[in-house]
C-alpha atoms as a PDB file:
ATOM      1  CA  MET A   1      55.556  50.315 -13.829  1.00  0.00           C
ATOM      2  CA  GLY A   2      54.881  53.990 -13.233  1.00  0.00           C
ATOM      3  CA  LEU A   3      56.897  56.326 -11.081  1.00  0.00           C
ATOM      4  CA  PRO A   4      54.312  56.508  -8.252  1.00  0.00           C
ATOM      5  CA  ARG A   5      54.457  52.714  -7.784  1.00  0.00           C
ATOM      6  CA  ARG A   6      58.268  52.641  -7.804  1.00  0.00           C
ATOM      7  CA  LYS A   7      58.304  55.489  -5.281  1.00  0.00           C
ATOM      8  CA  ALA A   8      55.860  53.531  -3.112  1.00  0.00           C
ATOM      9  CA  ALA A   9      58.135  50.488  -3.286  1.00  0.00           C
ATOM     10  CA  ASP A  10      61.093  52.619  -2.234  1.00  0.00           C
ATOM     11  CA  THR A  11      59.013  54.045   0.618  1.00  0.00           C
ATOM     12  CA  LEU A  12      58.121  50.536   1.757  1.00  0.00           C
ATOM     13  CA  ARG A  13      61.786  49.539   1.735  1.00  0.00           C
ATOM     14  CA  GLY A  14      62.828  52.615   3.670  1.00  0.00           C
ATOM     15  CA  ARG A  15      60.165  52.392   6.323  1.00  0.00           C
ATOM     16  CA  MET A  16      60.349  48.658   6.839  1.00  0.00           C
ATOM     17  CA  GLY A  17      64.068  48.169   7.000  1.00  0.00           C
ATOM     18  CA  GLY A  18      65.794  48.444   3.662  1.00  0.00           C
ATOM     19  CA  GLU A  19      65.955  45.964   0.816  1.00  0.00           C
ATOM     20  CA  GLY A  20      64.881  43.111   3.070  1.00  0.00           C
ATOM     21  CA  ALA A  21      61.430  44.668   3.287  1.00  0.00           C
ATOM     22  CA  MET A  22      60.709  43.503  -0.245  1.00  0.00           C
ATOM     23  CA  ASP A  23      61.586  39.882   0.519  1.00  0.00           C
ATOM     24  CA  ARG A  24      58.051  38.920   1.578  1.00  0.00           C
ATOM     25  CA  PRO A  25      56.188  40.205  -1.477  1.00  0.00           C
ATOM     26  CA  VAL A  26      58.868  38.972  -3.893  1.00  0.00           C
ATOM     27  CA  ARG A  27      58.838  35.528  -2.259  1.00  0.00           C
ATOM     28  CA  ALA A  28      55.017  35.417  -2.291  1.00  0.00           C
ATOM     29  CA  GLY A  29      54.920  36.342  -5.990  1.00  0.00           C
ATOM     30  CA  GLY A  30      57.555  33.754  -6.824  1.00  0.00           C
ATOM     31  CA  GLU A  31      55.736  31.020  -4.927  1.00  0.00           C
ATOM     32  CA  ASP A  32      52.472  31.844  -6.683  1.00  0.00           C
ATOM     33  CA  ALA A  33      54.263  31.846 -10.050  1.00  0.00           C
ATOM     34  CA  THR A  34      55.472  28.273  -9.461  1.00  0.00           C
ATOM     35  CA  ARG A  35      51.798  27.328  -9.088  1.00  0.00           C
ATOM     36  CA  ALA A  36      50.886  29.495 -12.116  1.00  0.00           C
ATOM     37  CA  ARG A  37      48.311  31.232  -9.910  1.00  0.00           C
ATOM     38  CA  TRP A  38      48.174  35.025  -9.484  1.00  0.00           C
ATOM     39  CA  ASP A  39      46.901  35.627  -5.948  1.00  0.00           C
ATOM     40  CA  PHE A  40      47.935  39.157  -5.074  1.00  0.00           C
ATOM     41  CA  GLU A  41      44.599  39.963  -3.453  1.00  0.00           C
ATOM     42  CA  GLY A  42      44.891  36.871  -1.238  1.00  0.00           C
ATOM     43  CA  GLN A  43      48.006  38.100   0.564  1.00  0.00           C
ATOM     44  CA  ARG A  44      47.424  38.520   4.318  1.00  0.00           C
ATOM     45  CA  GLU A  45      49.742  41.527   4.581  1.00  0.00           C
ATOM     46  CA  LEU A  46      47.323  43.601   2.497  1.00  0.00           C
ATOM     47  CA  VAL A  47      44.439  43.421   4.955  1.00  0.00           C
ATOM     48  CA  MET A  48      45.887  45.946   7.396  1.00  0.00           C
ATOM     49  CA  ALA A  49      48.857  47.111   5.273  1.00  0.00           C
ATOM     50  CA  ASP A  50      50.464  48.801   8.232  1.00  0.00           C
ATOM     51  CA  GLY A  51      53.349  46.486   9.071  1.00  0.00           C
ATOM     52  CA  GLY A  52      56.190  48.628  10.375  1.00  0.00           C
ATOM     53  CA  TYR A  53      54.073  51.749  10.863  1.00  0.00           C
ATOM     54  CA  ARG A  54      55.060  53.931  13.805  1.00  0.00           C
ATOM     55  CA  ASP A  55      53.639  57.189  15.085  1.00  0.00           C
ATOM     56  CA  GLY A  56      55.591  60.121  13.785  1.00  0.00           C
ATOM     57  CA  ILE A  57      56.349  58.834  10.277  1.00  0.00           C
ATOM     58  CA  GLY A  58      53.332  60.417   8.666  1.00  0.00           C
ATOM     59  CA  SER A  59      49.744  59.688   7.838  1.00  0.00           C
ATOM     60  CA  ARG A  60      48.631  56.102   8.439  1.00  0.00           C
ATOM     61  CA  SER A  61      46.413  56.149   5.338  1.00  0.00           C
ATOM     62  CA  GLU A  62      49.315  57.313   3.148  1.00  0.00           C
ATOM     63  CA  TYR A  63      51.536  54.671   4.700  1.00  0.00           C
ATOM     64  CA  GLU A  64      48.941  51.958   4.001  1.00  0.00           C
ATOM     65  CA  TRP A  65      48.660  53.115   0.379  1.00  0.00           C
ATOM     66  CA  GLY A  66      52.435  53.081   0.003  1.00  0.00           C
ATOM     67  CA  TYR A  67      52.652  49.692   1.687  1.00  0.00           C
ATOM     68  CA  ARG A  68      50.100  48.162  -0.697  1.00  0.00           C
ATOM     69  CA  GLU A  69      51.711  49.700  -3.767  1.00  0.00           C
ATOM     70  CA  GLY A  70      55.169  48.658  -2.650  1.00  0.00           C
ATOM     71  CA  PHE A  71      53.929  45.151  -1.884  1.00  0.00           C
ATOM     72  CA  ARG A  72      52.327  44.958  -5.343  1.00  0.00           C
ATOM     73  CA  THR A  73      55.614  45.986  -6.963  1.00  0.00           C
ATOM     74  CA  GLY A  74      57.535  43.275  -5.126  1.00  0.00           C
ATOM     75  CA  TYR A  75      54.849  40.665  -5.786  1.00  0.00           C
ATOM     76  CA  GLU A  76      54.851  41.444  -9.517  1.00  0.00           C
ATOM     77  CA  GLU A  77      58.649  41.289  -9.640  1.00  0.00           C
ATOM     78  CA  GLY A  78      58.627  37.905  -7.921  1.00  0.00           C
ATOM     79  CA  PHE A  79      55.774  36.547 -10.026  1.00  0.00           C
ATOM     80  CA  ASP A  80      57.384  37.685 -13.275  1.00  0.00           C
ATOM     81  CA  GLY A  81      60.809  36.413 -12.220  1.00  0.00           C
ATOM     82  CA  ARG A  82      62.396  39.851 -12.566  1.00  0.00           C
ATOM     83  CA  VAL A  83      64.340  39.408  -9.348  1.00  0.00           C
ATOM     84  CA  ARG A  84      67.084  36.914  -8.725  1.00  0.00           C
ATOM     85  CA  ARG A  85      65.886  34.382  -6.165  1.00  0.00           C
END
């Protein structure tokens, strides 16, 4: 995973409430892995990708990009079993 994606994951954690922010994507990836079915694009959170956004924290489009990249990082970690569940 490249530095920009890791930075996006860290941004997602910071803006959405710490380590717990990655719980949803990690859980979703893990659940899909048990079904042996990659379904990253089917995740509802990616449609708007602005969960936790508030005025004053920066550009909404940058936030949405960071949210999607951070969500992808967590999903991949959960799917690949790289995180302790």
